[in-house]
């Protein structure tokens, strides 16, 4: 019985190891849609057009680099809002979220585009470049919504969100906001969809010589068995 239990423990350890996720960097994949918040704003809808900018044109940025950016006073982000949508496994980390922001300007109207970043403890990485849209003075009807689904490559973490606004005519950075400027953009609990999966607990019963061994949560027991065997002190032979 003792030898059978030992063999079963090693078998479970080897099985658990094959289930462990790869340590290689997973490719980040994000599915994004966007729209103007007010559907009755026909002028803004008319002037929204596809942007030819790509994510590769916007490099990663440290927090210090973001804070040292120089901007114009002609544009500003009046406010921003985050709406968390999908949490399939119930762990309070969401795989889909909306970012809505209201850009104001001193001009009667102006074309701009936005770049949305996610930041961890070290740096921000761009996840979306928006289409070109128009803002109109200080009106509240021209706010813009970016709907992001994190498909893969994002570990569970309290991310900070950075929004940058660029002049569509000159490609110059004219405004930005992050968690230091707006608390809504700070410590947003997110993870990718391939991690946001509900899993049921599997119970396996193994019988040996009339006895039974109940394994509840197979992966947990396998890891614990391996740990104990690696740290077991040698005993003197009798």
C-alpha atoms as a PDB file:
ATOM      1  CA  UNK A   1       0.000   0.000   0.000  1.00  0.00           C
ATOM      2  CA  UNK A   2       2.818   2.392   0.957  1.00  0.00           C
ATOM      3  CA  UNK A   3       4.706   1.732  -2.292  1.00  0.00           C
ATOM      4  CA  UNK A   4       1.535   2.101  -4.374  1.00  0.00           C
ATOM      5  CA  UNK A   5       0.719   5.430  -2.736  1.00  0.00           C
ATOM      6  CA  UNK A   6       4.273   6.655  -3.408  1.00  0.00           C
ATOM      7  CA  UNK A   7       4.043   5.660  -7.079  1.00  0.00           C
ATOM      8  CA  UNK A   8       0.661   7.325  -7.453  1.00  0.00           C
ATOM      9  CA  UNK A   9       2.041  10.527  -5.876  1.00  0.00           C
ATOM     10  CA  UNK A  10       4.945  10.669  -8.348  1.00  0.00           C
ATOM     11  CA  UNK A  11       2.557  10.000 -11.228  1.00  0.00           C
ATOM     12  CA  UNK A  12       0.363  12.907 -10.136  1.00  0.00           C
ATOM     13  CA  UNK A  13       3.419  15.173  -9.840  1.00  0.00           C
ATOM     14  CA  UNK A  14       4.489  14.359 -13.389  1.00  0.00           C
ATOM     15  CA  UNK A  15       0.911  14.905 -14.629  1.00  0.00           C
ATOM     16  CA  UNK A  16       0.675  18.270 -12.886  1.00  0.00           C
ATOM     17  CA  UNK A  17       3.979  19.396 -14.387  1.00  0.00           C
ATOM     18  CA  UNK A  18       2.647  18.761 -17.876  1.00  0.00           C
ATOM     19  CA  UNK A  19      -0.292  21.031 -17.039  1.00  0.00           C
ATOM     20  CA  UNK A  20       1.821  23.954 -15.837  1.00  0.00           C
ATOM     21  CA  UNK A  21       1.626  27.032 -18.129  1.00  0.00           C
ATOM     22  CA  UNK A  22       4.618  27.888 -20.291  1.00  0.00           C
ATOM     23  CA  UNK A  23       7.021  30.499 -18.959  1.00  0.00           C
ATOM     24  CA  UNK A  24       7.505  32.022 -22.385  1.00  0.00           C
ATOM     25  CA  UNK A  25       6.057  35.479 -22.961  1.00  0.00           C
ATOM     26  CA  UNK A  26       2.549  35.106 -24.297  1.00  0.00           C
ATOM     27  CA  UNK A  27       1.569  37.251 -27.256  1.00  0.00           C
ATOM     28  CA  UNK A  28      -0.791  40.041 -26.289  1.00  0.00           C
ATOM     29  CA  UNK A  29      -4.030  40.035 -28.277  1.00  0.00           C
ATOM     30  CA  UNK A  30      -6.769  42.639 -27.847  1.00  0.00           C
ATOM     31  CA  UNK A  31     -10.078  42.880 -29.687  1.00  0.00           C
ATOM     32  CA  UNK A  32     -11.311  46.482 -29.811  1.00  0.00           C
ATOM     33  CA  UNK A  33     -14.333  48.396 -31.051  1.00  0.00           C
ATOM     34  CA  UNK A  34     -15.062  52.097 -30.654  1.00  0.00           C
ATOM     35  CA  UNK A  35     -17.847  54.620 -31.022  1.00  0.00           C
ATOM     36  CA  UNK A  36     -19.007  58.132 -30.195  1.00  0.00           C
ATOM     37  CA  UNK A  37     -20.944  58.146 -26.935  1.00  0.00           C
ATOM     38  CA  UNK A  38     -23.834  60.267 -28.246  1.00  0.00           C
ATOM     39  CA  UNK A  39     -25.445  58.575 -31.266  1.00  0.00           C
ATOM     40  CA  UNK A  40     -27.384  61.755 -32.101  1.00  0.00           C
ATOM     41  CA  UNK A  41     -24.206  63.762 -32.670  1.00  0.00           C
ATOM     42  CA  UNK A  42     -24.384  63.595 -36.459  1.00  0.00           C
ATOM     43  CA  UNK A  43     -21.586  66.074 -37.069  1.00  0.00           C
ATOM     44  CA  UNK A  44     -19.086  63.988 -35.110  1.00  0.00           C
ATOM     45  CA  UNK A  45     -20.226  60.751 -36.773  1.00  0.00           C
ATOM     46  CA  UNK A  46     -19.801  62.343 -40.169  1.00  0.00           C
ATOM     47  CA  UNK A  47     -16.197  63.307 -39.539  1.00  0.00           C
ATOM     48  CA  UNK A  48     -15.049  60.088 -37.868  1.00  0.00           C
ATOM     49  CA  UNK A  49     -12.668  58.252 -40.186  1.00  0.00           C
ATOM     50  CA  UNK A  50     -10.203  55.401 -40.115  1.00  0.00           C
ATOM     51  CA  UNK A  51      -6.752  56.180 -38.781  1.00  0.00           C
ATOM     52  CA  UNK A  52      -3.643  54.823 -40.535  1.00  0.00           C
ATOM     53  CA  UNK A  53      -1.534  54.798 -37.357  1.00  0.00           C
ATOM     54  CA  UNK A  54      -0.450  51.423 -35.945  1.00  0.00           C
ATOM     55  CA  UNK A  55       0.494  50.226 -32.461  1.00  0.00           C
ATOM     56  CA  UNK A  56       4.103  49.704 -33.527  1.00  0.00           C
ATOM     57  CA  UNK A  57       4.450  53.476 -33.866  1.00  0.00           C
ATOM     58  CA  UNK A  58       3.849  53.948 -30.136  1.00  0.00           C
ATOM     59  CA  UNK A  59       6.600  52.499 -27.977  1.00  0.00           C
ATOM     60  CA  UNK A  60       6.358  51.418 -24.347  1.00  0.00           C
ATOM     61  CA  UNK A  61       6.680  54.204 -21.795  1.00  0.00           C
ATOM     62  CA  UNK A  62       7.815  54.269 -18.199  1.00  0.00           C
ATOM     63  CA  UNK A  63       5.815  56.216 -15.625  1.00  0.00           C
ATOM     64  CA  UNK A  64       8.547  58.853 -15.449  1.00  0.00           C
ATOM     65  CA  UNK A  65       8.449  59.311 -19.221  1.00  0.00           C
ATOM     66  CA  UNK A  66       4.688  59.806 -19.106  1.00  0.00           C
ATOM     67  CA  UNK A  67       4.881  62.393 -16.356  1.00  0.00           C
ATOM     68  CA  UNK A  68       7.602  64.343 -18.182  1.00  0.00           C
ATOM     69  CA  UNK A  69       5.621  64.641 -21.428  1.00  0.00           C
ATOM     70  CA  UNK A  70       4.981  68.198 -22.580  1.00  0.00           C
ATOM     71  CA  UNK A  71       1.519  69.032 -23.882  1.00  0.00           C
ATOM     72  CA  UNK A  72      -0.398  72.037 -25.165  1.00  0.00           C
ATOM     73  CA  UNK A  73      -3.025  73.916 -23.207  1.00  0.00           C
ATOM     74  CA  UNK A  74      -5.307  73.973 -26.235  1.00  0.00           C
ATOM     75  CA  UNK A  75      -6.684  70.482 -25.468  1.00  0.00           C
ATOM     76  CA  UNK A  76      -7.449  68.552 -22.293  1.00  0.00           C
ATOM     77  CA  UNK A  77      -9.307  65.450 -21.141  1.00  0.00           C
ATOM     78  CA  UNK A  78     -12.169  66.797 -19.050  1.00  0.00           C
ATOM     79  CA  UNK A  79     -13.091  63.432 -17.558  1.00  0.00           C
ATOM     80  CA  UNK A  80     -12.877  59.674 -18.141  1.00  0.00           C
ATOM     81  CA  UNK A  81     -14.866  56.647 -17.012  1.00  0.00           C
ATOM     82  CA  UNK A  82     -14.202  52.915 -16.800  1.00  0.00           C
ATOM     83  CA  UNK A  83     -16.933  50.265 -17.094  1.00  0.00           C
ATOM     84  CA  UNK A  84     -15.959  46.666 -16.242  1.00  0.00           C
ATOM     85  CA  UNK A  85     -17.985  44.048 -18.121  1.00  0.00           C
ATOM     86  CA  UNK A  86     -16.822  40.390 -18.211  1.00  0.00           C
ATOM     87  CA  UNK A  87     -15.651  38.298 -15.251  1.00  0.00           C
ATOM     88  CA  UNK A  88     -16.538  34.698 -16.143  1.00  0.00           C
ATOM     89  CA  UNK A  89     -14.616  32.990 -13.337  1.00  0.00           C
ATOM     90  CA  UNK A  90     -15.767  35.379 -10.611  1.00  0.00           C
ATOM     91  CA  UNK A  91     -12.295  36.301  -9.365  1.00  0.00           C
ATOM     92  CA  UNK A  92     -12.965  40.092  -9.709  1.00  0.00           C
ATOM     93  CA  UNK A  93     -10.486  40.380 -12.594  1.00  0.00           C
ATOM     94  CA  UNK A  94     -12.271  41.440 -15.779  1.00  0.00           C
ATOM     95  CA  UNK A  95     -11.408  40.535 -19.362  1.00  0.00           C
ATOM     96  CA  UNK A  96     -13.541  43.219 -21.049  1.00  0.00           C
ATOM     97  CA  UNK A  97     -13.864  46.896 -20.200  1.00  0.00           C
ATOM     98  CA  UNK A  98     -14.974  50.220 -21.648  1.00  0.00           C
ATOM     99  CA  UNK A  99     -12.933  53.416 -21.515  1.00  0.00           C
ATOM    100  CA  UNK A 100     -14.965  56.563 -22.134  1.00  0.00           C
ATOM    101  CA  UNK A 101     -13.318  59.979 -22.226  1.00  0.00           C
ATOM    102  CA  UNK A 102     -14.431  63.520 -22.952  1.00  0.00           C
ATOM    103  CA  UNK A 103     -11.843  65.640 -24.769  1.00  0.00           C
ATOM    104  CA  UNK A 104     -12.295  69.412 -24.720  1.00  0.00           C
ATOM    105  CA  UNK A 105     -10.541  72.141 -26.689  1.00  0.00           C
ATOM    106  CA  UNK A 106     -10.383  75.902 -27.013  1.00  0.00           C
ATOM    107  CA  UNK A 107     -11.260  75.528 -30.708  1.00  0.00           C
ATOM    108  CA  UNK A 108     -14.746  75.331 -32.160  1.00  0.00           C
ATOM    109  CA  UNK A 109     -13.874  71.932 -33.616  1.00  0.00           C
ATOM    110  CA  UNK A 110     -10.728  69.877 -34.097  1.00  0.00           C
ATOM    111  CA  UNK A 111      -9.800  66.370 -35.331  1.00  0.00           C
ATOM    112  CA  UNK A 112      -7.964  64.118 -32.871  1.00  0.00           C
ATOM    113  CA  UNK A 113      -7.226  60.458 -32.210  1.00  0.00           C
ATOM    114  CA  UNK A 114      -6.548  58.567 -29.004  1.00  0.00           C
ATOM    115  CA  UNK A 115      -4.027  55.930 -27.927  1.00  0.00           C
ATOM    116  CA  UNK A 116      -5.004  53.702 -25.002  1.00  0.00           C
ATOM    117  CA  UNK A 117      -2.271  52.059 -22.878  1.00  0.00           C
ATOM    118  CA  UNK A 118      -2.266  49.510 -20.071  1.00  0.00           C
ATOM    119  CA  UNK A 119       0.410  49.928 -17.414  1.00  0.00           C
ATOM    120  CA  UNK A 120       1.807  47.505 -14.855  1.00  0.00           C
ATOM    121  CA  UNK A 121       4.229  48.338 -12.051  1.00  0.00           C
ATOM    122  CA  UNK A 122       6.976  49.322 -14.506  1.00  0.00           C
ATOM    123  CA  UNK A 123       5.685  50.626 -17.840  1.00  0.00           C
ATOM    124  CA  UNK A 124       2.764  51.364 -20.119  1.00  0.00           C
ATOM    125  CA  UNK A 125       2.126  49.465 -23.369  1.00  0.00           C
ATOM    126  CA  UNK A 126      -0.237  50.668 -26.105  1.00  0.00           C
ATOM    127  CA  UNK A 127      -3.198  48.364 -26.798  1.00  0.00           C
ATOM    128  CA  UNK A 128      -5.226  50.494 -29.233  1.00  0.00           C
ATOM    129  CA  UNK A 129      -4.990  53.460 -31.598  1.00  0.00           C
ATOM    130  CA  UNK A 130      -8.427  54.939 -32.253  1.00  0.00           C
ATOM    131  CA  UNK A 131      -9.930  56.248 -35.451  1.00  0.00           C
ATOM    132  CA  UNK A 132      -9.829  59.982 -36.055  1.00  0.00           C
ATOM    133  CA  UNK A 133     -12.781  61.735 -34.435  1.00  0.00           C
ATOM    134  CA  UNK A 134     -13.783  65.350 -33.935  1.00  0.00           C
ATOM    135  CA  UNK A 135     -14.173  67.269 -30.687  1.00  0.00           C
ATOM    136  CA  UNK A 136     -16.258  70.408 -30.367  1.00  0.00           C
ATOM    137  CA  UNK A 137     -15.201  73.046 -27.850  1.00  0.00           C
ATOM    138  CA  UNK A 138     -16.233  72.091 -24.338  1.00  0.00           C
ATOM    139  CA  UNK A 139     -19.373  70.168 -25.228  1.00  0.00           C
ATOM    140  CA  UNK A 140     -20.147  66.949 -23.345  1.00  0.00           C
ATOM    141  CA  UNK A 141     -21.770  65.251 -26.325  1.00  0.00           C
ATOM    142  CA  UNK A 142     -18.546  64.314 -28.105  1.00  0.00           C
ATOM    143  CA  UNK A 143     -17.098  61.820 -25.585  1.00  0.00           C
ATOM    144  CA  UNK A 144     -15.560  58.712 -27.116  1.00  0.00           C
ATOM    145  CA  UNK A 145     -15.810  55.052 -26.055  1.00  0.00           C
ATOM    146  CA  UNK A 146     -13.181  52.346 -26.607  1.00  0.00           C
ATOM    147  CA  UNK A 147     -14.457  48.812 -25.925  1.00  0.00           C
ATOM    148  CA  UNK A 148     -11.543  46.432 -25.252  1.00  0.00           C
ATOM    149  CA  UNK A 149     -11.590  42.637 -24.919  1.00  0.00           C
ATOM    150  CA  UNK A 150      -8.278  41.253 -23.636  1.00  0.00           C
ATOM    151  CA  UNK A 151      -8.067  37.992 -25.572  1.00  0.00           C
ATOM    152  CA  UNK A 152      -4.637  36.723 -24.486  1.00  0.00           C
ATOM    153  CA  UNK A 153      -1.337  37.748 -22.905  1.00  0.00           C
ATOM    154  CA  UNK A 154      -2.500  39.666 -19.825  1.00  0.00           C
ATOM    155  CA  UNK A 155      -1.847  38.189 -16.392  1.00  0.00           C
ATOM    156  CA  UNK A 156      -4.270  39.037 -13.563  1.00  0.00           C
ATOM    157  CA  UNK A 157      -3.139  42.440 -12.307  1.00  0.00           C
ATOM    158  CA  UNK A 158      -4.387  45.838 -11.146  1.00  0.00           C
ATOM    159  CA  UNK A 159      -3.449  47.786 -14.268  1.00  0.00           C
ATOM    160  CA  UNK A 160      -3.289  51.549 -14.720  1.00  0.00           C
ATOM    161  CA  UNK A 161      -4.788  53.001 -17.880  1.00  0.00           C
ATOM    162  CA  UNK A 162      -3.173  55.824 -19.842  1.00  0.00           C
ATOM    163  CA  UNK A 163      -5.074  57.821 -22.470  1.00  0.00           C
ATOM    164  CA  UNK A 164      -3.159  60.001 -24.912  1.00  0.00           C
ATOM    165  CA  UNK A 165      -4.787  62.439 -27.341  1.00  0.00           C
ATOM    166  CA  UNK A 166      -3.033  63.437 -30.572  1.00  0.00           C
ATOM    167  CA  UNK A 167      -3.798  66.195 -33.052  1.00  0.00           C
ATOM    168  CA  UNK A 168      -4.871  64.335 -36.192  1.00  0.00           C
ATOM    169  CA  UNK A 169      -3.431  67.032 -38.466  1.00  0.00           C
ATOM    170  CA  UNK A 170       0.043  67.252 -36.899  1.00  0.00           C
ATOM    171  CA  UNK A 171       0.345  63.932 -34.944  1.00  0.00           C
ATOM    172  CA  UNK A 172       1.483  65.935 -31.927  1.00  0.00           C
ATOM    173  CA  UNK A 173       0.564  64.817 -28.407  1.00  0.00           C
ATOM    174  CA  UNK A 174      -1.887  67.436 -27.098  1.00  0.00           C
ATOM    175  CA  UNK A 175      -3.352  65.865 -23.922  1.00  0.00           C
ATOM    176  CA  UNK A 176      -3.123  62.816 -21.697  1.00  0.00           C
ATOM    177  CA  UNK A 177      -4.589  61.387 -18.509  1.00  0.00           C
ATOM    178  CA  UNK A 178      -3.612  58.452 -16.283  1.00  0.00           C
ATOM    179  CA  UNK A 179      -4.199  57.141 -12.781  1.00  0.00           C
ATOM    180  CA  UNK A 180      -2.412  60.111 -11.222  1.00  0.00           C
ATOM    181  CA  UNK A 181      -4.671  62.551 -13.045  1.00  0.00           C
ATOM    182  CA  UNK A 182      -7.911  60.563 -12.691  1.00  0.00           C
ATOM    183  CA  UNK A 183      -8.510  57.893 -10.037  1.00  0.00           C
ATOM    184  CA  UNK A 184     -10.887  56.027 -12.374  1.00  0.00           C
ATOM    185  CA  UNK A 185      -7.858  55.046 -14.474  1.00  0.00           C
ATOM    186  CA  UNK A 186      -5.873  53.603 -11.560  1.00  0.00           C
ATOM    187  CA  UNK A 187      -5.698  49.986 -10.335  1.00  0.00           C
ATOM    188  CA  UNK A 188      -8.196  48.452 -12.745  1.00  0.00           C
ATOM    189  CA  UNK A 189      -8.392  44.681 -12.123  1.00  0.00           C
ATOM    190  CA  UNK A 190      -7.965  42.966 -15.490  1.00  0.00           C
ATOM    191  CA  UNK A 191      -6.894  39.665 -17.054  1.00  0.00           C
ATOM    192  CA  UNK A 192      -7.120  38.116 -20.522  1.00  0.00           C
ATOM    193  CA  UNK A 193     -10.011  35.905 -21.627  1.00  0.00           C
ATOM    194  CA  UNK A 194      -7.875  32.781 -21.795  1.00  0.00           C
ATOM    195  CA  UNK A 195      -7.417  33.153 -18.017  1.00  0.00           C
ATOM    196  CA  UNK A 196     -10.992  34.260 -17.311  1.00  0.00           C
ATOM    197  CA  UNK A 197     -12.451  30.740 -17.493  1.00  0.00           C
ATOM    198  CA  UNK A 198     -14.676  29.037 -14.935  1.00  0.00           C
ATOM    199  CA  UNK A 199     -13.310  25.595 -14.019  1.00  0.00           C
ATOM    200  CA  UNK A 200     -15.109  22.932 -11.996  1.00  0.00           C
ATOM    201  CA  UNK A 201     -13.217  20.967  -9.331  1.00  0.00           C
ATOM    202  CA  UNK A 202     -12.469  17.404 -10.443  1.00  0.00           C
ATOM    203  CA  UNK A 203     -12.541  14.623  -7.813  1.00  0.00           C
ATOM    204  CA  UNK A 204     -10.768  11.324  -8.589  1.00  0.00           C
ATOM    205  CA  UNK A 205     -10.933   8.250  -6.324  1.00  0.00           C
ATOM    206  CA  UNK A 206      -8.203   5.597  -6.537  1.00  0.00           C
ATOM    207  CA  UNK A 207      -8.702   2.147  -4.928  1.00  0.00           C
ATOM    208  CA  UNK A 208      -5.867  -0.113  -3.756  1.00  0.00           C
ATOM    209  CA  UNK A 209      -6.067  -3.335  -1.636  1.00  0.00           C
ATOM    210  CA  UNK A 210      -9.515  -2.573  -0.333  1.00  0.00           C
ATOM    211  CA  UNK A 211      -8.522   0.938   0.762  1.00  0.00           C
ATOM    212  CA  UNK A 212      -9.323   4.194  -0.975  1.00  0.00           C
ATOM    213  CA  UNK A 213      -7.441   7.429  -1.485  1.00  0.00           C
ATOM    214  CA  UNK A 214      -9.526  10.539  -2.189  1.00  0.00           C
ATOM    215  CA  UNK A 215      -7.841  13.173  -4.333  1.00  0.00           C
ATOM    216  CA  UNK A 216      -9.686  16.470  -4.160  1.00  0.00           C
ATOM    217  CA  UNK A 217      -8.237  19.053  -6.473  1.00  0.00           C
ATOM    218  CA  UNK A 218      -5.786  16.876  -8.407  1.00  0.00           C
ATOM    219  CA  UNK A 219      -3.234  19.569  -9.284  1.00  0.00           C
ATOM    220  CA  UNK A 220      -3.006  20.819  -5.680  1.00  0.00           C
ATOM    221  CA  UNK A 221      -2.273  17.396  -4.212  1.00  0.00           C
ATOM    222  CA  UNK A 222       0.296  16.653  -6.895  1.00  0.00           C
ATOM    223  CA  UNK A 223       2.264  19.773  -6.189  1.00  0.00           C
ATOM    224  CA  UNK A 224       2.093  19.222  -2.407  1.00  0.00           C
ATOM    225  CA  UNK A 225       3.281  15.608  -2.773  1.00  0.00           C
ATOM    226  CA  UNK A 226       6.285  16.698  -4.820  1.00  0.00           C
ATOM    227  CA  UNK A 227       7.119  19.391  -2.307  1.00  0.00           C
ATOM    228  CA  UNK A 228       7.079  16.991   0.648  1.00  0.00           C
ATOM    229  CA  UNK A 229       9.257  14.430  -1.120  1.00  0.00           C
ATOM    230  CA  UNK A 230      11.833  17.031  -2.054  1.00  0.00           C
ATOM    231  CA  UNK A 231      12.028  18.317   1.530  1.00  0.00           C
ATOM    232  CA  UNK A 232      11.808  14.981   3.385  1.00  0.00           C
ATOM    233  CA  UNK A 233      14.776  14.285   5.649  1.00  0.00           C
ATOM    234  CA  UNK A 234      16.616  10.972   5.052  1.00  0.00           C
ATOM    235  CA  UNK A 235      16.015   8.319   7.723  1.00  0.00           C
ATOM    236  CA  UNK A 236      18.530   5.810   8.974  1.00  0.00           C
ATOM    237  CA  UNK A 237      18.067   2.289   7.627  1.00  0.00           C
ATOM    238  CA  UNK A 238      17.183  -0.425  10.089  1.00  0.00           C
END
